[in-house]
Amino acid sequence: MGRFGMNLTGTINNTTLSLEGSGECDTHRGHVEGEYNLKRSDGLKRPIDGLDHWIFNCLVLTGYPSESAVTGKTKNPFQGRPYRYQREISFAGSGSGLLHLQAGVAFPVKTVLESKFTVNGNVNVPRLVSVEPTVETWVPNGTNRILGHFVMSWPAEDGSRVAAIARSNYEILGDSIEIIGTQHRWIEIEARGNLWNFSRRQRSTLFDSHLVTPN
């Protein structure tokens, strides 16, 4: 069992904000659980039109590929290694907008994960009530580089659905590491709270592509 701390800053819907979070992570079980506090730069707790706390699912929690359990002989190339990435997230369905995310993740000591995120863009979604399980696919893209893609889906309070299409460019830092082939990361997220104070619990498992390919 380890600990994590995170900080996200940036501008969403023309509002400058910061998000602080901390909690526990268990790489072997693929669990990340934490508490998060969002602040506007003006200090007000006035709602930000079009923004819902569920949207942070596709920003910060899915931002920890290192914290995924593995199946069989699968190896997680991110485990225990510092990494950084860029992610573009476009919204569809009853939502719209485009967010750009930059992230850096390090392990100053073996059981501590520290991360910094920067986000900019716009999003417009109705009030969301839950998030469905997500699968991210990783494809090798050269030495220590991986392309990631997932589609996240949220049911909305009005009965509609919002989807986020996320494309990530990951870079694993340090010595060269062998990345054998395509992998898939199964992600489940539980959440509660409001825009200013919320909690998240993520469970994720990584498996190699050949495990889901028919013979």
N, C-alpha and C. Protein backbone atom coordinates (compact mmCIF):
# COMPACT_ATOMS: atom_id res chain seq x y z
N MET A 1 0.84 -1.19 0.00
CA MET A 1 0.00 0.00 0.00
C MET A 1 0.88 1.24 0.00
N GLY A 2 0.55 2.20 -0.85
CA GLY A 2 1.30 3.43 -0.92
C GLY A 2 0.39 4.65 -0.79
N ARG A 3 0.99 5.81 -0.97
CA ARG A 3 0.26 7.07 -0.90
C ARG A 3 0.47 7.84 -2.20
N PHE A 4 -0.50 8.69 -2.53
CA PHE A 4 -0.32 9.57 -3.67
C PHE A 4 -0.75 10.98 -3.31
N GLY A 5 -0.15 11.93 -4.00
CA GLY A 5 -0.55 13.33 -3.90
C GLY A 5 -0.59 13.91 -5.29
N MET A 6 -1.56 14.78 -5.57
CA MET A 6 -1.68 15.34 -6.90
C MET A 6 -2.11 16.81 -6.85
N ASN A 7 -1.75 17.51 -7.92
CA ASN A 7 -2.16 18.90 -8.08
C ASN A 7 -2.49 19.14 -9.55
N LEU A 8 -3.65 19.70 -9.80
CA LEU A 8 -4.06 20.07 -11.15
C LEU A 8 -4.35 21.55 -11.19
N THR A 9 -3.83 22.24 -12.17
CA THR A 9 -4.11 23.66 -12.37
C THR A 9 -4.48 23.89 -13.82
N GLY A 10 -5.14 25.00 -14.08
CA GLY A 10 -5.48 25.32 -15.46
C GLY A 10 -6.73 26.16 -15.56
N THR A 11 -7.27 26.20 -16.76
CA THR A 11 -8.46 26.99 -17.04
C THR A 11 -9.47 26.14 -17.79
N ILE A 12 -10.67 26.03 -17.22
CA ILE A 12 -11.78 25.34 -17.86
C ILE A 12 -12.95 26.31 -17.93
N ASN A 13 -13.53 26.44 -19.11
CA ASN A 13 -14.66 27.34 -19.33
C ASN A 13 -14.35 28.76 -18.85
N ASN A 14 -13.15 29.21 -19.20
CA ASN A 14 -12.69 30.57 -18.88
C ASN A 14 -12.60 30.84 -17.38
N THR A 15 -12.49 29.79 -16.60
CA THR A 15 -12.35 29.91 -15.15
C THR A 15 -11.05 29.25 -14.72
N THR A 16 -10.18 30.03 -14.07
CA THR A 16 -8.92 29.48 -13.58
C THR A 16 -9.18 28.74 -12.28
N LEU A 17 -8.68 27.51 -12.19
CA LEU A 17 -8.97 26.69 -11.02
C LEU A 17 -7.77 25.82 -10.65
N SER A 18 -7.86 25.24 -9.47
CA SER A 18 -6.85 24.29 -9.01
C SER A 18 -7.54 23.16 -8.27
N LEU A 19 -6.99 21.96 -8.40
CA LEU A 19 -7.53 20.78 -7.76
C LEU A 19 -6.41 20.10 -6.98
N GLU A 20 -6.63 19.86 -5.69
CA GLU A 20 -5.67 19.16 -4.85
C GLU A 20 -6.28 17.84 -4.41
N GLY A 21 -5.48 16.79 -4.44
CA GLY A 21 -5.98 15.49 -4.02
C GLY A 21 -4.91 14.65 -3.37
N SER A 22 -5.33 13.70 -2.54
CA SER A 22 -4.40 12.77 -1.91
C SER A 22 -5.16 11.54 -1.48
N GLY A 23 -4.41 10.45 -1.28
CA GLY A 23 -5.07 9.23 -0.85
C GLY A 23 -4.13 8.05 -0.91
N GLU A 24 -4.70 6.87 -1.09
CA GLU A 24 -3.96 5.63 -1.06
C GLU A 24 -3.96 4.97 -2.44
N CYS A 25 -2.88 4.28 -2.75
CA CYS A 25 -2.82 3.51 -3.99
C CYS A 25 -2.19 2.14 -3.70
N ASP A 26 -2.69 1.15 -4.37
CA ASP A 26 -2.21 -0.22 -4.21
C ASP A 26 -1.99 -0.78 -5.60
N THR A 27 -0.75 -0.74 -6.06
CA THR A 27 -0.44 -1.15 -7.42
C THR A 27 -0.81 -2.59 -7.68
N HIS A 28 -0.55 -3.47 -6.73
CA HIS A 28 -0.77 -4.91 -6.95
C HIS A 28 -2.26 -5.24 -7.07
N ARG A 29 -3.10 -4.49 -6.41
CA ARG A 29 -4.54 -4.71 -6.51
C ARG A 29 -5.19 -3.80 -7.55
N GLY A 30 -4.44 -2.81 -8.04
CA GLY A 30 -4.97 -1.88 -9.02
C GLY A 30 -5.95 -0.88 -8.44
N HIS A 31 -5.77 -0.50 -7.18
CA HIS A 31 -6.70 0.42 -6.52
C HIS A 31 -6.06 1.80 -6.32
N VAL A 32 -6.84 2.84 -6.57
CA VAL A 32 -6.47 4.22 -6.21
C VAL A 32 -7.70 4.85 -5.58
N GLU A 33 -7.56 5.38 -4.37
CA GLU A 33 -8.70 5.97 -3.67
C GLU A 33 -8.25 7.26 -3.00
N GLY A 34 -9.01 8.35 -3.24
CA GLY A 34 -8.59 9.62 -2.67
C GLY A 34 -9.71 10.63 -2.52
N GLU A 35 -9.35 11.74 -1.87
CA GLU A 35 -10.24 12.87 -1.67
C GLU A 35 -9.67 14.07 -2.42
N TYR A 36 -10.57 14.89 -3.01
CA TYR A 36 -10.16 15.98 -3.87
C TYR A 36 -10.92 17.26 -3.52
N ASN A 37 -10.21 18.38 -3.62
CA ASN A 37 -10.80 19.69 -3.34
C ASN A 37 -10.50 20.63 -4.49
N LEU A 38 -11.56 21.21 -5.06
CA LEU A 38 -11.45 22.12 -6.19
C LEU A 38 -11.63 23.56 -5.72
N LYS A 39 -10.81 24.47 -6.24
CA LYS A 39 -10.91 25.88 -5.89
C LYS A 39 -10.84 26.74 -7.15
N ARG A 40 -11.64 27.80 -7.16
CA ARG A 40 -11.52 28.82 -8.20
C ARG A 40 -10.48 29.84 -7.77
N SER A 41 -9.83 30.47 -8.74
CA SER A 41 -8.80 31.46 -8.40
C SER A 41 -9.39 32.67 -7.71
N ASP A 42 -10.69 32.95 -7.94
CA ASP A 42 -11.33 34.10 -7.29
C ASP A 42 -11.87 33.76 -5.91
N GLY A 43 -11.71 32.50 -5.47
CA GLY A 43 -12.13 32.10 -4.13
C GLY A 43 -13.61 31.84 -3.98
N LEU A 44 -14.39 32.07 -5.02
CA LEU A 44 -15.83 31.87 -4.94
C LEU A 44 -16.20 30.41 -5.15
N LYS A 45 -17.34 30.00 -4.62
CA LYS A 45 -17.86 28.67 -4.88
C LYS A 45 -19.09 28.77 -5.77
N ARG A 46 -18.99 29.64 -6.74
CA ARG A 46 -20.05 29.80 -7.72
C ARG A 46 -19.93 28.70 -8.76
N PRO A 47 -21.05 28.07 -9.16
CA PRO A 47 -20.98 26.98 -10.14
C PRO A 47 -20.29 27.43 -11.43
N ILE A 48 -19.61 26.49 -12.06
CA ILE A 48 -18.97 26.75 -13.35
C ILE A 48 -19.86 26.10 -14.40
N ASP A 49 -20.54 26.92 -15.18
CA ASP A 49 -21.51 26.42 -16.15
C ASP A 49 -20.87 25.37 -17.06
N GLY A 50 -21.56 24.24 -17.21
CA GLY A 50 -21.12 23.20 -18.12
C GLY A 50 -20.13 22.21 -17.54
N LEU A 51 -19.66 22.44 -16.30
CA LEU A 51 -18.68 21.57 -15.68
C LEU A 51 -19.32 20.76 -14.56
N ASP A 52 -19.06 19.45 -14.54
CA ASP A 52 -19.56 18.55 -13.51
C ASP A 52 -18.38 17.79 -12.92
N HIS A 53 -18.43 17.49 -11.62
CA HIS A 53 -17.27 16.85 -10.99
C HIS A 53 -16.94 15.48 -11.59
N TRP A 54 -17.92 14.82 -12.22
CA TRP A 54 -17.66 13.53 -12.84
C TRP A 54 -16.66 13.64 -13.99
N ILE A 55 -16.54 14.81 -14.60
CA ILE A 55 -15.63 15.00 -15.73
C ILE A 55 -14.18 14.74 -15.32
N PHE A 56 -13.85 14.97 -14.05
CA PHE A 56 -12.47 14.77 -13.62
C PHE A 56 -12.05 13.30 -13.68
N ASN A 57 -13.02 12.39 -13.88
CA ASN A 57 -12.66 10.98 -14.06
C ASN A 57 -11.72 10.77 -15.24
N CYS A 58 -11.92 11.50 -16.32
CA CYS A 58 -11.09 11.27 -17.50
C CYS A 58 -9.82 12.12 -17.48
N LEU A 59 -9.60 12.84 -16.36
CA LEU A 59 -8.41 13.67 -16.23
C LEU A 59 -7.41 13.09 -15.24
N VAL A 60 -7.80 12.95 -13.97
CA VAL A 60 -6.81 12.63 -12.95
C VAL A 60 -6.71 11.15 -12.59
N LEU A 61 -7.81 10.45 -12.43
CA LEU A 61 -7.71 9.04 -12.01
C LEU A 61 -7.19 8.16 -13.14
N THR A 62 -7.75 8.33 -14.32
CA THR A 62 -7.25 7.57 -15.47
C THR A 62 -5.84 8.02 -15.83
N GLY A 63 -5.31 8.99 -15.09
CA GLY A 63 -3.96 9.47 -15.32
C GLY A 63 -2.88 8.65 -14.65
N TYR A 64 -3.22 7.52 -14.02
CA TYR A 64 -2.24 6.71 -13.33
C TYR A 64 -2.13 5.32 -13.95
N PRO A 65 -1.58 5.19 -15.15
CA PRO A 65 -1.44 3.86 -15.76
C PRO A 65 -0.54 2.94 -14.95
N SER A 66 0.35 3.50 -14.14
CA SER A 66 1.25 2.68 -13.32
C SER A 66 0.50 1.90 -12.25
N GLU A 67 -0.68 2.38 -11.85
CA GLU A 67 -1.41 1.79 -10.73
C GLU A 67 -2.47 0.81 -11.23
N SER A 68 -2.06 -0.15 -12.02
CA SER A 68 -2.97 -1.16 -12.57
C SER A 68 -2.48 -2.54 -12.19
N ALA A 69 -3.40 -3.37 -11.72
CA ALA A 69 -3.07 -4.76 -11.45
C ALA A 69 -2.81 -5.46 -12.78
N VAL A 70 -2.11 -6.58 -12.73
CA VAL A 70 -1.82 -7.33 -13.96
C VAL A 70 -2.38 -8.74 -13.86
N THR A 71 -2.63 -9.33 -15.02
CA THR A 71 -3.15 -10.70 -15.08
C THR A 71 -2.10 -11.61 -15.70
N GLY A 72 -1.97 -12.82 -15.18
CA GLY A 72 -1.05 -13.79 -15.75
C GLY A 72 0.37 -13.28 -15.83
N LYS A 73 0.97 -13.38 -17.01
CA LYS A 73 2.35 -12.95 -17.22
C LYS A 73 2.43 -11.52 -17.76
N THR A 74 1.33 -10.81 -17.76
CA THR A 74 1.32 -9.42 -18.22
C THR A 74 2.26 -8.57 -17.37
N LYS A 75 3.00 -7.67 -18.00
CA LYS A 75 3.87 -6.74 -17.30
C LYS A 75 3.42 -5.32 -17.58
N ASN A 76 3.34 -4.51 -16.53
CA ASN A 76 2.95 -3.11 -16.68
C ASN A 76 4.20 -2.28 -16.94
N PRO A 77 4.37 -1.71 -18.13
CA PRO A 77 5.60 -0.97 -18.44
C PRO A 77 5.76 0.31 -17.62
N PHE A 78 4.67 0.81 -17.04
CA PHE A 78 4.73 2.05 -16.26
C PHE A 78 5.09 1.82 -14.79
N GLN A 79 4.96 0.59 -14.31
CA GLN A 79 5.04 0.34 -12.87
C GLN A 79 6.38 0.79 -12.28
N GLY A 80 6.30 1.67 -11.29
CA GLY A 80 7.48 2.15 -10.59
C GLY A 80 8.38 3.06 -11.40
N ARG A 81 7.94 3.49 -12.59
CA ARG A 81 8.76 4.33 -13.46
C ARG A 81 8.15 5.72 -13.56
N PRO A 82 8.95 6.79 -13.57
CA PRO A 82 8.39 8.11 -13.83
C PRO A 82 7.93 8.19 -15.28
N TYR A 83 6.89 8.97 -15.53
CA TYR A 83 6.38 9.10 -16.89
C TYR A 83 5.65 10.43 -17.04
N ARG A 84 5.42 10.79 -18.28
CA ARG A 84 4.67 12.01 -18.58
C ARG A 84 3.82 11.74 -19.82
N TYR A 85 2.83 12.59 -20.03
CA TYR A 85 1.98 12.38 -21.20
C TYR A 85 1.16 13.62 -21.51
N GLN A 86 0.66 13.64 -22.72
CA GLN A 86 -0.30 14.63 -23.18
C GLN A 86 -1.57 13.90 -23.57
N ARG A 87 -2.71 14.50 -23.26
CA ARG A 87 -4.00 13.87 -23.56
C ARG A 87 -4.96 14.91 -24.14
N GLU A 88 -5.62 14.54 -25.21
CA GLU A 88 -6.68 15.37 -25.80
C GLU A 88 -8.00 14.67 -25.59
N ILE A 89 -9.00 15.40 -25.06
CA ILE A 89 -10.29 14.80 -24.73
C ILE A 89 -11.38 15.59 -25.41
N SER A 90 -12.11 14.95 -26.31
CA SER A 90 -13.24 15.59 -26.99
C SER A 90 -14.54 14.96 -26.49
N PHE A 91 -15.56 15.79 -26.32
CA PHE A 91 -16.83 15.35 -25.75
C PHE A 91 -17.89 15.25 -26.83
N ALA A 92 -18.75 14.22 -26.70
CA ALA A 92 -19.78 13.95 -27.69
C ALA A 92 -21.06 13.54 -26.97
N GLY A 93 -22.07 13.15 -27.75
CA GLY A 93 -23.36 12.83 -27.16
C GLY A 93 -24.06 14.11 -26.76
N SER A 94 -24.57 14.16 -25.52
CA SER A 94 -25.22 15.39 -25.05
C SER A 94 -24.21 16.36 -24.44
N GLY A 95 -22.94 16.06 -24.61
CA GLY A 95 -21.88 16.97 -24.17
C GLY A 95 -21.08 17.47 -25.36
N SER A 96 -20.33 18.54 -25.13
CA SER A 96 -19.48 19.08 -26.18
C SER A 96 -18.26 19.73 -25.54
N GLY A 97 -17.24 19.97 -26.35
CA GLY A 97 -16.05 20.65 -25.86
C GLY A 97 -14.79 19.87 -26.11
N LEU A 98 -13.67 20.49 -25.78
CA LEU A 98 -12.35 19.90 -25.99
C LEU A 98 -11.43 20.34 -24.86
N LEU A 99 -10.77 19.37 -24.21
CA LEU A 99 -9.82 19.65 -23.14
C LEU A 99 -8.44 19.11 -23.53
N HIS A 100 -7.40 19.85 -23.14
CA HIS A 100 -6.02 19.42 -23.34
C HIS A 100 -5.37 19.25 -21.97
N LEU A 101 -4.79 18.08 -21.74
CA LEU A 101 -4.19 17.74 -20.44
C LEU A 101 -2.72 17.40 -20.62
N GLN A 102 -1.89 17.92 -19.73
CA GLN A 102 -0.49 17.54 -19.64
C GLN A 102 -0.23 17.02 -18.24
N ALA A 103 0.56 15.97 -18.12
CA ALA A 103 0.77 15.36 -16.81
C ALA A 103 2.19 14.85 -16.66
N GLY A 104 2.66 14.87 -15.42
CA GLY A 104 3.92 14.27 -15.06
C GLY A 104 3.76 13.51 -13.77
N VAL A 105 4.26 12.27 -13.73
CA VAL A 105 4.11 11.40 -12.56
C VAL A 105 5.49 10.89 -12.16
N ALA A 106 5.80 10.99 -10.87
CA ALA A 106 7.10 10.55 -10.37
C ALA A 106 6.92 9.77 -9.07
N PHE A 107 7.97 9.05 -8.68
CA PHE A 107 7.98 8.26 -7.46
C PHE A 107 9.20 8.68 -6.65
N PRO A 108 9.10 9.75 -5.83
CA PRO A 108 10.26 10.21 -5.07
C PRO A 108 10.79 9.16 -4.09
N VAL A 109 9.89 8.33 -3.57
CA VAL A 109 10.28 7.13 -2.83
C VAL A 109 9.37 6.01 -3.32
N LYS A 110 9.72 4.78 -3.04
CA LYS A 110 9.07 3.63 -3.66
C LYS A 110 7.57 3.59 -3.45
N THR A 111 7.10 3.99 -2.28
CA THR A 111 5.68 3.84 -1.96
C THR A 111 4.90 5.14 -2.09
N VAL A 112 5.49 6.16 -2.71
CA VAL A 112 4.82 7.46 -2.85
C VAL A 112 4.75 7.85 -4.32
N LEU A 113 3.56 8.25 -4.76
CA LEU A 113 3.35 8.72 -6.12
C LEU A 113 3.00 10.20 -6.05
N GLU A 114 3.71 11.02 -6.80
CA GLU A 114 3.43 12.45 -6.87
C GLU A 114 3.14 12.82 -8.32
N SER A 115 2.10 13.64 -8.54
CA SER A 115 1.72 13.97 -9.91
C SER A 115 1.28 15.42 -10.03
N LYS A 116 1.54 15.98 -11.20
CA LYS A 116 1.12 17.34 -11.52
C LYS A 116 0.43 17.32 -12.88
N PHE A 117 -0.72 18.00 -12.94
CA PHE A 117 -1.51 18.05 -14.15
C PHE A 117 -1.78 19.51 -14.52
N THR A 118 -1.85 19.77 -15.81
CA THR A 118 -2.27 21.08 -16.32
C THR A 118 -3.35 20.83 -17.36
N VAL A 119 -4.48 21.55 -17.23
CA VAL A 119 -5.60 21.34 -18.14
C VAL A 119 -6.08 22.69 -18.67
N ASN A 120 -6.47 22.71 -19.92
CA ASN A 120 -7.04 23.91 -20.52
C ASN A 120 -8.07 23.51 -21.56
N GLY A 121 -9.14 24.31 -21.65
CA GLY A 121 -10.15 24.06 -22.67
C GLY A 121 -11.54 24.36 -22.16
N ASN A 122 -12.51 23.81 -22.88
CA ASN A 122 -13.91 24.05 -22.57
C ASN A 122 -14.69 22.75 -22.62
N VAL A 123 -15.72 22.67 -21.79
CA VAL A 123 -16.59 21.50 -21.78
C VAL A 123 -17.99 21.96 -21.39
N ASN A 124 -18.99 21.32 -21.98
CA ASN A 124 -20.37 21.66 -21.66
C ASN A 124 -21.16 20.35 -21.55
N VAL A 125 -21.51 19.97 -20.32
CA VAL A 125 -22.24 18.73 -20.10
C VAL A 125 -23.42 18.99 -19.18
N PRO A 126 -24.47 18.16 -19.25
CA PRO A 126 -25.56 18.24 -18.27
C PRO A 126 -25.10 17.64 -16.95
N ARG A 127 -25.98 17.63 -15.97
CA ARG A 127 -25.64 17.03 -14.68
C ARG A 127 -25.49 15.52 -14.85
N LEU A 128 -24.35 14.97 -14.42
CA LEU A 128 -24.04 13.56 -14.58
C LEU A 128 -24.29 12.80 -13.28
N VAL A 129 -24.58 11.50 -13.40
CA VAL A 129 -24.95 10.74 -12.20
C VAL A 129 -24.04 9.55 -11.93
N SER A 130 -23.30 9.06 -12.92
CA SER A 130 -22.40 7.92 -12.71
C SER A 130 -21.49 7.81 -13.92
N VAL A 131 -20.54 6.87 -13.86
CA VAL A 131 -19.64 6.62 -14.99
C VAL A 131 -19.59 5.13 -15.24
N GLU A 132 -19.57 4.76 -16.50
CA GLU A 132 -19.55 3.35 -16.86
C GLU A 132 -18.11 2.84 -16.94
N PRO A 133 -17.91 1.51 -16.81
CA PRO A 133 -16.55 0.97 -16.95
C PRO A 133 -15.94 1.35 -18.29
N THR A 134 -14.63 1.51 -18.28
CA THR A 134 -13.90 1.99 -19.45
C THR A 134 -12.73 1.05 -19.74
N VAL A 135 -12.40 0.89 -21.01
CA VAL A 135 -11.21 0.14 -21.42
C VAL A 135 -10.30 1.08 -22.21
N GLU A 136 -9.07 1.23 -21.75
CA GLU A 136 -8.07 1.99 -22.50
C GLU A 136 -7.14 1.01 -23.21
N THR A 137 -6.85 1.27 -24.47
CA THR A 137 -5.93 0.45 -25.25
C THR A 137 -4.60 1.17 -25.38
N TRP A 138 -3.51 0.42 -25.11
CA TRP A 138 -2.15 0.96 -25.25
C TRP A 138 -1.48 0.29 -26.44
N VAL A 139 -0.90 1.10 -27.32
CA VAL A 139 -0.19 0.61 -28.49
C VAL A 139 1.23 1.16 -28.48
N PRO A 140 2.27 0.32 -28.55
CA PRO A 140 3.65 0.81 -28.57
C PRO A 140 3.86 1.78 -29.74
N ASN A 141 4.66 2.84 -29.46
CA ASN A 141 4.89 3.86 -30.48
C ASN A 141 6.37 4.28 -30.49
N GLY A 142 7.26 3.30 -30.41
CA GLY A 142 8.69 3.60 -30.35
C GLY A 142 9.24 3.35 -28.96
N THR A 143 10.53 3.61 -28.79
CA THR A 143 11.19 3.36 -27.52
C THR A 143 10.55 4.16 -26.40
N ASN A 144 10.05 3.47 -25.39
CA ASN A 144 9.48 4.07 -24.17
C ASN A 144 8.26 4.95 -24.46
N ARG A 145 7.63 4.78 -25.60
CA ARG A 145 6.47 5.59 -25.96
C ARG A 145 5.26 4.70 -26.25
N ILE A 146 4.09 5.17 -25.77
CA ILE A 146 2.86 4.40 -25.92
C ILE A 146 1.73 5.36 -26.30
N LEU A 147 0.92 4.95 -27.25
CA LEU A 147 -0.31 5.67 -27.58
C LEU A 147 -1.47 5.04 -26.82
N GLY A 148 -2.29 5.86 -26.17
CA GLY A 148 -3.44 5.37 -25.44
C GLY A 148 -4.73 5.93 -26.01
N HIS A 149 -5.80 5.14 -25.94
CA HIS A 149 -7.10 5.58 -26.42
C HIS A 149 -8.20 4.95 -25.57
N PHE A 150 -9.15 5.77 -25.11
CA PHE A 150 -10.33 5.22 -24.45
C PHE A 150 -11.53 6.13 -24.72
N VAL A 151 -12.71 5.53 -24.57
CA VAL A 151 -13.97 6.27 -24.62
C VAL A 151 -14.67 6.07 -23.29
N MET A 152 -14.92 7.17 -22.59
CA MET A 152 -15.61 7.11 -21.29
C MET A 152 -17.04 7.59 -21.49
N SER A 153 -17.98 6.96 -20.79
CA SER A 153 -19.39 7.27 -20.95
C SER A 153 -20.06 7.51 -19.60
N TRP A 154 -20.85 8.59 -19.54
CA TRP A 154 -21.59 8.94 -18.33
C TRP A 154 -23.09 9.03 -18.62
N PRO A 155 -23.96 8.37 -17.86
CA PRO A 155 -25.39 8.67 -17.91
C PRO A 155 -25.64 10.02 -17.24
N ALA A 156 -26.55 10.79 -17.82
CA ALA A 156 -26.88 12.10 -17.26
C ALA A 156 -28.21 12.05 -16.53
N GLU A 157 -28.44 13.03 -15.67
CA GLU A 157 -29.66 13.09 -14.88
C GLU A 157 -30.90 13.19 -15.75
N ASP A 158 -30.77 13.83 -16.93
CA ASP A 158 -31.92 14.01 -17.82
C ASP A 158 -32.17 12.81 -18.73
N GLY A 159 -31.43 11.71 -18.53
CA GLY A 159 -31.61 10.51 -19.32
C GLY A 159 -30.73 10.42 -20.54
N SER A 160 -30.02 11.47 -20.87
CA SER A 160 -29.11 11.44 -22.01
C SER A 160 -27.77 10.85 -21.60
N ARG A 161 -26.83 10.80 -22.55
CA ARG A 161 -25.50 10.28 -22.28
C ARG A 161 -24.44 11.22 -22.81
N VAL A 162 -23.33 11.24 -22.09
CA VAL A 162 -22.16 12.02 -22.50
C VAL A 162 -21.00 11.06 -22.71
N ALA A 163 -20.24 11.26 -23.77
CA ALA A 163 -19.06 10.45 -24.03
C ALA A 163 -17.84 11.36 -24.13
N ALA A 164 -16.70 10.85 -23.66
CA ALA A 164 -15.42 11.54 -23.80
C ALA A 164 -14.48 10.62 -24.58
N ILE A 165 -13.94 11.14 -25.66
CA ILE A 165 -13.00 10.38 -26.48
C ILE A 165 -11.60 10.91 -26.16
N ALA A 166 -10.78 10.07 -25.54
CA ALA A 166 -9.48 10.49 -25.03
C ALA A 166 -8.35 9.82 -25.80
N ARG A 167 -7.41 10.63 -26.27
CA ARG A 167 -6.22 10.14 -26.96
C ARG A 167 -4.99 10.64 -26.21
N SER A 168 -4.12 9.71 -25.81
CA SER A 168 -2.96 10.05 -24.98
C SER A 168 -1.67 9.65 -25.66
N ASN A 169 -0.64 10.48 -25.45
CA ASN A 169 0.73 10.16 -25.86
C ASN A 169 1.58 10.04 -24.61
N TYR A 170 1.94 8.80 -24.24
CA TYR A 170 2.70 8.54 -23.03
C TYR A 170 4.19 8.40 -23.35
N GLU A 171 5.01 8.88 -22.42
CA GLU A 171 6.46 8.67 -22.50
C GLU A 171 6.96 8.19 -21.15
N ILE A 172 7.56 7.00 -21.12
CA ILE A 172 8.14 6.45 -19.91
C ILE A 172 9.58 6.94 -19.82
N LEU A 173 9.94 7.54 -18.70
CA LEU A 173 11.24 8.18 -18.55
C LEU A 173 12.28 7.21 -18.00
N GLY A 174 13.56 7.54 -18.22
CA GLY A 174 14.64 6.71 -17.70
C GLY A 174 15.15 5.72 -18.73
N ASP A 175 15.70 4.62 -18.25
CA ASP A 175 16.29 3.61 -19.13
C ASP A 175 15.26 3.04 -20.09
N SER A 176 15.75 2.56 -21.23
CA SER A 176 14.87 1.94 -22.22
C SER A 176 14.19 0.72 -21.62
N ILE A 177 12.94 0.53 -22.00
CA ILE A 177 12.18 -0.61 -21.50
C ILE A 177 11.50 -1.28 -22.69
N GLU A 178 11.48 -2.61 -22.67
CA GLU A 178 10.86 -3.35 -23.77
C GLU A 178 9.34 -3.32 -23.63
N ILE A 179 8.68 -2.86 -24.67
CA ILE A 179 7.22 -2.84 -24.70
C ILE A 179 6.80 -3.85 -25.77
N ILE A 180 6.26 -4.98 -25.34
CA ILE A 180 6.09 -6.12 -26.23
C ILE A 180 4.98 -5.93 -27.25
N GLY A 181 3.82 -5.45 -26.83
CA GLY A 181 2.70 -5.35 -27.78
C GLY A 181 1.53 -4.61 -27.18
N THR A 182 0.40 -4.68 -27.86
CA THR A 182 -0.81 -3.97 -27.45
C THR A 182 -1.33 -4.52 -26.11
N GLN A 183 -1.76 -3.60 -25.25
CA GLN A 183 -2.34 -3.97 -23.97
C GLN A 183 -3.64 -3.20 -23.76
N HIS A 184 -4.47 -3.71 -22.82
CA HIS A 184 -5.75 -3.10 -22.52
C HIS A 184 -5.88 -2.90 -21.01
N ARG A 185 -6.36 -1.75 -20.62
CA ARG A 185 -6.54 -1.43 -19.19
C ARG A 185 -8.02 -1.27 -18.88
N TRP A 186 -8.56 -2.21 -18.10
CA TRP A 186 -9.96 -2.16 -17.66
C TRP A 186 -10.05 -1.25 -16.45
N ILE A 187 -10.97 -0.27 -16.48
CA ILE A 187 -11.06 0.75 -15.44
C ILE A 187 -12.50 0.85 -14.93
N GLU A 188 -12.67 0.77 -13.62
CA GLU A 188 -13.95 1.03 -12.98
C GLU A 188 -13.76 2.15 -11.95
N ILE A 189 -14.71 3.08 -11.90
CA ILE A 189 -14.59 4.22 -11.00
C ILE A 189 -15.89 4.40 -10.21
N GLU A 190 -15.75 4.59 -8.91
CA GLU A 190 -16.86 4.99 -8.05
C GLU A 190 -16.59 6.40 -7.56
N ALA A 191 -17.65 7.21 -7.46
CA ALA A 191 -17.45 8.61 -7.06
C ALA A 191 -18.63 9.10 -6.23
N ARG A 192 -18.36 10.10 -5.40
CA ARG A 192 -19.42 10.77 -4.66
C ARG A 192 -18.93 12.18 -4.33
N GLY A 193 -19.88 13.06 -4.04
CA GLY A 193 -19.52 14.42 -3.66
C GLY A 193 -20.12 15.45 -4.60
N ASN A 194 -19.51 16.63 -4.60
CA ASN A 194 -19.96 17.72 -5.46
C ASN A 194 -18.76 18.33 -6.16
N LEU A 195 -18.98 19.42 -6.88
CA LEU A 195 -17.90 19.99 -7.68
C LEU A 195 -16.71 20.41 -6.83
N TRP A 196 -16.94 20.83 -5.60
CA TRP A 196 -15.87 21.41 -4.78
C TRP A 196 -15.16 20.39 -3.91
N ASN A 197 -15.86 19.36 -3.50
CA ASN A 197 -15.28 18.32 -2.64
C ASN A 197 -15.82 16.98 -3.07
N PHE A 198 -14.97 16.11 -3.54
CA PHE A 198 -15.45 14.81 -4.00
C PHE A 198 -14.40 13.73 -3.74
N SER A 199 -14.85 12.50 -3.79
CA SER A 199 -13.97 11.35 -3.60
C SER A 199 -14.04 10.48 -4.85
N ARG A 200 -12.98 9.70 -5.04
CA ARG A 200 -12.91 8.78 -6.16
C ARG A 200 -12.28 7.47 -5.70
N ARG A 201 -12.78 6.37 -6.26
CA ARG A 201 -12.14 5.08 -6.05
C ARG A 201 -12.05 4.39 -7.41
N GLN A 202 -10.85 4.08 -7.82
CA GLN A 202 -10.63 3.45 -9.11
C GLN A 202 -10.05 2.06 -8.93
N ARG A 203 -10.55 1.12 -9.73
CA ARG A 203 -9.98 -0.22 -9.81
C ARG A 203 -9.61 -0.47 -11.27
N SER A 204 -8.38 -0.88 -11.52
CA SER A 204 -7.97 -1.12 -12.90
C SER A 204 -7.11 -2.37 -13.01
N THR A 205 -7.27 -3.06 -14.11
CA THR A 205 -6.53 -4.29 -14.39
C THR A 205 -6.00 -4.23 -15.82
N LEU A 206 -4.75 -4.62 -15.99
CA LEU A 206 -4.09 -4.59 -17.28
C LEU A 206 -3.93 -6.01 -17.82
N PHE A 207 -4.21 -6.19 -19.10
CA PHE A 207 -4.00 -7.50 -19.70
C PHE A 207 -3.49 -7.33 -21.12
N ASP A 208 -2.76 -8.33 -21.58
CA ASP A 208 -2.19 -8.29 -22.93
C ASP A 208 -3.26 -8.57 -23.98
N SER A 209 -3.05 -8.01 -25.17
CA SER A 209 -4.06 -8.13 -26.23
C SER A 209 -4.33 -9.59 -26.61
N HIS A 210 -3.31 -10.44 -26.58
CA HIS A 210 -3.53 -11.82 -27.04
C HIS A 210 -4.49 -12.57 -26.13
N LEU A 211 -4.70 -12.07 -24.90
CA LEU A 211 -5.63 -12.75 -23.99
C LEU A 211 -7.08 -12.56 -24.39
N VAL A 212 -7.36 -11.57 -25.26
CA VAL A 212 -8.73 -11.35 -25.69
C VAL A 212 -8.89 -11.57 -27.19
N THR A 213 -7.88 -12.15 -27.83
CA THR A 213 -7.93 -12.43 -29.26
C THR A 213 -8.25 -13.90 -29.47
N PRO A 214 -9.30 -14.22 -30.23
CA PRO A 214 -9.65 -15.64 -30.47
C PRO A 214 -8.51 -16.37 -31.19
N ASN A 215 -8.34 -17.63 -30.88
CA ASN A 215 -7.32 -18.44 -31.54
C ASN A 215 -7.68 -18.68 -33.01
